């Protein structure tokens, strides 16, 4: 699942994009390896302009 947020979800992380997995609370097993969440926090997104290429 991908999510774009117009707010800061993870204030202790500097990167604008983060990927989170699901783990079993009892065993910490990572059984659902293909199931994850990706968050993009727009306030952290780089605001530099990319120049044109010839």
PDB file of N, CA and C in Angstrom:
ATOM      1  N   UNK A   1       0.838  -1.158   0.000  1.00  0.00           N
ATOM      2  CA  UNK A   1       0.000   0.000   0.000  1.00  0.00           C
ATOM      3  C   UNK A   1       0.894   1.234   0.000  1.00  0.00           C
ATOM      4  N   UNK A   2       0.586   2.184  -0.834  1.00  0.00           N
ATOM      5  CA  UNK A   2       1.326   3.439  -0.897  1.00  0.00           C
ATOM      6  C   UNK A   2       0.441   4.564  -0.381  1.00  0.00           C
ATOM      7  N   UNK A   3       1.048   5.494   0.318  1.00  0.00           N
ATOM      8  CA  UNK A   3       0.292   6.612   0.866  1.00  0.00           C
ATOM      9  C   UNK A   3       1.106   7.885   0.739  1.00  0.00           C
ATOM     10  N   UNK A   4       0.457   8.949   0.275  1.00  0.00           N
ATOM     11  CA  UNK A   4       1.076  10.262   0.207  1.00  0.00           C
ATOM     12  C   UNK A   4       0.412  11.114   1.277  1.00  0.00           C
ATOM     13  N   UNK A   5       1.223  11.643   2.187  1.00  0.00           N
ATOM     14  CA  UNK A   5       0.689  12.410   3.307  1.00  0.00           C
ATOM     15  C   UNK A   5       1.105  13.873   3.196  1.00  0.00           C
ATOM     16  N   UNK A   6       0.155  14.763   3.420  1.00  0.00           N
ATOM     17  CA  UNK A   6       0.432  16.193   3.418  1.00  0.00           C
ATOM     18  C   UNK A   6       0.724  16.662   4.846  1.00  0.00           C
ATOM     19  N   UNK A   7       1.401  15.805   5.596  1.00  0.00           N
ATOM     20  CA  UNK A   7       1.764  16.099   6.977  1.00  0.00           C
ATOM     21  C   UNK A   7       2.988  15.260   7.342  1.00  0.00           C
ATOM     22  N   UNK A   8       3.568  15.549   8.486  1.00  0.00           N
ATOM     23  CA  UNK A   8       4.713  14.791   8.984  1.00  0.00           C
ATOM     24  C   UNK A   8       4.177  13.628   9.823  1.00  0.00           C
ATOM     25  N   UNK A   9       4.420  12.408   9.382  1.00  0.00           N
ATOM     26  CA  UNK A   9       3.990  11.227  10.124  1.00  0.00           C
ATOM     27  C   UNK A   9       5.075  10.725  11.065  1.00  0.00           C
ATOM     28  N   UNK A  10       6.323  10.867  10.658  1.00  0.00           N
ATOM     29  CA  UNK A  10       7.452  10.337  11.413  1.00  0.00           C
ATOM     30  C   UNK A  10       8.460  11.465  11.660  1.00  0.00           C
ATOM     31  N   UNK A  11       8.235  12.285  12.690  1.00  0.00           N
ATOM     32  CA  UNK A  11       9.088  13.459  12.902  1.00  0.00           C
ATOM     33  C   UNK A  11      10.553  13.143  13.213  1.00  0.00           C
ATOM     34  N   UNK A  12      10.837  11.949  13.680  1.00  0.00           N
ATOM     35  CA  UNK A  12      12.227  11.589  14.003  1.00  0.00           C
ATOM     36  C   UNK A  12      13.001  11.072  12.800  1.00  0.00           C
ATOM     37  N   UNK A  13      12.343  10.946  11.651  1.00  0.00           N
ATOM     38  CA  UNK A  13      13.009  10.473  10.435  1.00  0.00           C
ATOM     39  C   UNK A  13      13.160  11.636   9.467  1.00  0.00           C
ATOM     40  N   UNK A  14      14.334  11.761   8.864  1.00  0.00           N
ATOM     41  CA  UNK A  14      14.574  12.886   7.954  1.00  0.00           C
ATOM     42  C   UNK A  14      14.173  12.589   6.507  1.00  0.00           C
ATOM     43  N   UNK A  15      14.155  11.342   6.112  1.00  0.00           N
ATOM     44  CA  UNK A  15      13.819  10.975   4.738  1.00  0.00           C
ATOM     45  C   UNK A  15      12.330  11.183   4.474  1.00  0.00           C
ATOM     46  N   UNK A  16      11.984  11.612   3.252  1.00  0.00           N
ATOM     47  CA  UNK A  16      10.586  11.837   2.909  1.00  0.00           C
ATOM     48  C   UNK A  16       9.851  10.540   2.569  1.00  0.00           C
ATOM     49  N   UNK A  17      10.597   9.494   2.229  1.00  0.00           N
ATOM     50  CA  UNK A  17       9.979   8.219   1.840  1.00  0.00           C
ATOM     51  C   UNK A  17      10.409   7.138   2.825  1.00  0.00           C
ATOM     52  N   UNK A  18       9.428   6.364   3.301  1.00  0.00           N
ATOM     53  CA  UNK A  18       9.754   5.269   4.220  1.00  0.00           C
ATOM     54  C   UNK A  18       8.913   4.040   3.876  1.00  0.00           C
ATOM     55  N   UNK A  19       9.493   2.883   4.116  1.00  0.00           N
ATOM     56  CA  UNK A  19       8.835   1.612   3.817  1.00  0.00           C
ATOM     57  C   UNK A  19       8.731   0.821   5.120  1.00  0.00           C
ATOM     58  N   UNK A  20       7.533   0.345   5.420  1.00  0.00           N
ATOM     59  CA  UNK A  20       7.277  -0.340   6.681  1.00  0.00           C
ATOM     60  C   UNK A  20       6.705  -1.731   6.412  1.00  0.00           C
ATOM     61  N   UNK A  21       7.185  -2.692   7.163  1.00  0.00           N
ATOM     62  CA  UNK A  21       6.725  -4.075   7.026  1.00  0.00           C
ATOM     63  C   UNK A  21       5.848  -4.450   8.216  1.00  0.00           C
ATOM     64  N   UNK A  22       5.227  -5.592   8.109  1.00  0.00           N
ATOM     65  CA  UNK A  22       4.377  -6.109   9.177  1.00  0.00           C
ATOM     66  C   UNK A  22       5.055  -7.318   9.792  1.00  0.00           C
ATOM     67  N   UNK A  23       5.108  -7.329  11.106  1.00  0.00           N
ATOM     68  CA  UNK A  23       5.737  -8.445  11.831  1.00  0.00           C
ATOM     69  C   UNK A  23       4.782  -8.981  12.876  1.00  0.00           C
ATOM     70  N   UNK A  24       4.901 -10.254  13.159  1.00  0.00           N
ATOM     71  CA  UNK A  24       4.102 -10.901  14.193  1.00  0.00           C
ATOM     72  C   UNK A  24       4.499 -10.333  15.555  1.00  0.00           C
ATOM     73  N   UNK A  25       3.526  -9.887  16.349  1.00  0.00           N
ATOM     74  CA  UNK A  25       3.834  -9.282  17.648  1.00  0.00           C
ATOM     75  C   UNK A  25       4.435 -10.277  18.634  1.00  0.00           C
ATOM     76  N   UNK A  26       4.068 -11.529  18.545  1.00  0.00           N
ATOM     77  CA  UNK A  26       4.572 -12.524  19.491  1.00  0.00           C
ATOM     78  C   UNK A  26       5.958 -13.047  19.139  1.00  0.00           C
ATOM     79  N   UNK A  27       6.189 -13.290  17.865  1.00  0.00           N
ATOM     80  CA  UNK A  27       7.442 -13.929  17.458  1.00  0.00           C
ATOM     81  C   UNK A  27       8.392 -12.992  16.695  1.00  0.00           C
ATOM     82  N   UNK A  28       7.886 -11.836  16.282  1.00  0.00           N
ATOM     83  CA  UNK A  28       8.625 -10.891  15.446  1.00  0.00           C
ATOM     84  C   UNK A  28       8.958 -11.485  14.073  1.00  0.00           C
ATOM     85  N   UNK A  29       8.262 -12.547  13.699  1.00  0.00           N
ATOM     86  CA  UNK A  29       8.470 -13.173  12.394  1.00  0.00           C
ATOM     87  C   UNK A  29       7.923 -12.266  11.288  1.00  0.00           C
ATOM     88  N   UNK A  30       8.623 -12.250  10.193  1.00  0.00           N
ATOM     89  CA  UNK A  30       8.243 -11.437   9.031  1.00  0.00           C
ATOM     90  C   UNK A  30       7.599 -12.360   7.997  1.00  0.00           C
ATOM     91  N   UNK A  31       6.394 -12.822   8.311  1.00  0.00           N
ATOM     92  CA  UNK A  31       5.709 -13.801   7.465  1.00  0.00           C
ATOM     93  C   UNK A  31       5.126 -13.192   6.182  1.00  0.00           C
ATOM     94  N   UNK A  32       4.732 -11.944   6.225  1.00  0.00           N
ATOM     95  CA  UNK A  32       4.088 -11.287   5.081  1.00  0.00           C
ATOM     96  C   UNK A  32       5.103 -10.424   4.340  1.00  0.00           C
ATOM     97  N   UNK A  33       6.091 -11.058   3.753  1.00  0.00           N
ATOM     98  CA  UNK A  33       7.205 -10.348   3.126  1.00  0.00           C
ATOM     99  C   UNK A  33       6.789  -9.461   1.953  1.00  0.00           C
ATOM    100  N   UNK A  34       5.729  -9.825   1.252  1.00  0.00           N
ATOM    101  CA  UNK A  34       5.294  -9.040   0.098  1.00  0.00           C
ATOM    102  C   UNK A  34       4.255  -7.981   0.463  1.00  0.00           C
ATOM    103  N   UNK A  35       3.941  -7.857   1.734  1.00  0.00           N
ATOM    104  CA  UNK A  35       2.936  -6.906   2.185  1.00  0.00           C
ATOM    105  C   UNK A  35       3.635  -5.827   2.996  1.00  0.00           C
ATOM    106  N   UNK A  36       3.608  -4.593   2.498  1.00  0.00           N
ATOM    107  CA  UNK A  36       4.294  -3.505   3.179  1.00  0.00           C
ATOM    108  C   UNK A  36       3.582  -2.188   2.889  1.00  0.00           C
ATOM    109  N   UNK A  37       3.945  -1.166   3.614  1.00  0.00           N
ATOM    110  CA  UNK A  37       3.390   0.166   3.457  1.00  0.00           C
ATOM    111  C   UNK A  37       4.521   1.125   3.096  1.00  0.00           C
ATOM    112  N   UNK A  38       4.294   1.956   2.092  1.00  0.00           N
ATOM    113  CA  UNK A  38       5.237   2.991   1.715  1.00  0.00           C
ATOM    114  C   UNK A  38       4.561   4.335   1.948  1.00  0.00           C
ATOM    115  N   UNK A  39       5.237   5.205   2.665  1.00  0.00           N
ATOM    116  CA  UNK A  39       4.715   6.534   2.947  1.00  0.00           C
ATOM    117  C   UNK A  39       5.624   7.581   2.335  1.00  0.00           C
ATOM    118  N   UNK A  40       5.026   8.584   1.704  1.00  0.00           N
ATOM    119  CA  UNK A  40       5.755   9.754   1.222  1.00  0.00           C
ATOM    120  C   UNK A  40       5.177  10.952   1.958  1.00  0.00           C
ATOM    121  N   UNK A  41       6.039  11.628   2.717  1.00  0.00           N
ATOM    122  CA  UNK A  41       5.624  12.790   3.495  1.00  0.00           C
ATOM    123  C   UNK A  41       5.954  14.053   2.693  1.00  0.00           C
ATOM    124  N   UNK A  42       4.940  14.707   2.143  1.00  0.00           N
ATOM    125  CA  UNK A  42       5.162  15.855   1.265  1.00  0.00           C
ATOM    126  C   UNK A  42       5.932  17.004   1.910  1.00  0.00           C
ATOM    127  N   UNK A  43       5.727  17.345   3.189  1.00  0.00           N
ATOM    128  CA  UNK A  43       6.514  18.442   3.760  1.00  0.00           C
ATOM    129  C   UNK A  43       8.027  18.167   3.774  1.00  0.00           C
ATOM    130  N   UNK A  44       8.430  16.914   3.714  1.00  0.00           N
ATOM    131  CA  UNK A  44       9.860  16.567   3.701  1.00  0.00           C
ATOM    132  C   UNK A  44      10.412  16.411   2.287  1.00  0.00           C
ATOM    133  N   UNK A  45       9.536  16.429   1.291  1.00  0.00           N
ATOM    134  CA  UNK A  45       9.957  16.204  -0.094  1.00  0.00           C
ATOM    135  C   UNK A  45      10.911  17.311  -0.525  1.00  0.00           C
ATOM    136  N   UNK A  46      12.019  16.969  -1.216  1.00  0.00           N
ATOM    137  CA  UNK A  46      12.982  17.987  -1.660  1.00  0.00           C
ATOM    138  C   UNK A  46      12.319  19.004  -2.594  1.00  0.00           C
ATOM    139  N   UNK A  47      12.586  20.266  -2.354  1.00  0.00           N
ATOM    140  CA  UNK A  47      11.950  21.320  -3.133  1.00  0.00           C
ATOM    141  C   UNK A  47      12.876  21.932  -4.189  1.00  0.00           C
ATOM    142  N   UNK A  48      13.904  21.196  -4.577  1.00  0.00           N
ATOM    143  CA  UNK A  48      14.824  21.683  -5.601  1.00  0.00           C
ATOM    144  C   UNK A  48      14.236  21.425  -6.967  1.00  0.00           C
ATOM    145  N   UNK A  49      14.507  22.321  -7.883  1.00  0.00           N
ATOM    146  CA  UNK A  49      13.994  22.203  -9.247  1.00  0.00           C
ATOM    147  C   UNK A  49      15.020  21.482 -10.109  1.00  0.00           C
ATOM    148  N   UNK A  50      14.572  20.496 -10.855  1.00  0.00           N
ATOM    149  CA  UNK A  50      15.438  19.739 -11.743  1.00  0.00           C
ATOM    150  C   UNK A  50      15.494  20.469 -13.083  1.00  0.00           C
ATOM    151  N   UNK A  51      16.715  20.702 -13.585  1.00  0.00           N
ATOM    152  CA  UNK A  51      16.881  21.420 -14.856  1.00  0.00           C
ATOM    153  C   UNK A  51      16.555  20.546 -16.048  1.00  0.00           C
ATOM    154  N   UNK A  52      16.352  21.187 -17.192  1.00  0.00           N
ATOM    155  CA  UNK A  52      16.062  20.465 -18.437  1.00  0.00           C
ATOM    156  C   UNK A  52      17.329  19.827 -18.970  1.00  0.00           C
ATOM    157  N   UNK A  53      17.173  18.686 -19.593  1.00  0.00           N
ATOM    158  CA  UNK A  53      18.289  17.997 -20.240  1.00  0.00           C
ATOM    159  C   UNK A  53      18.098  18.090 -21.738  1.00  0.00           C
ATOM    160  N   UNK A  54      19.178  18.250 -22.481  1.00  0.00           N
ATOM    161  CA  UNK A  54      19.089  18.355 -23.939  1.00  0.00           C
ATOM    162  C   UNK A  54      18.913  17.000 -24.560  1.00  0.00           C
TER     163      UNK A  54
END
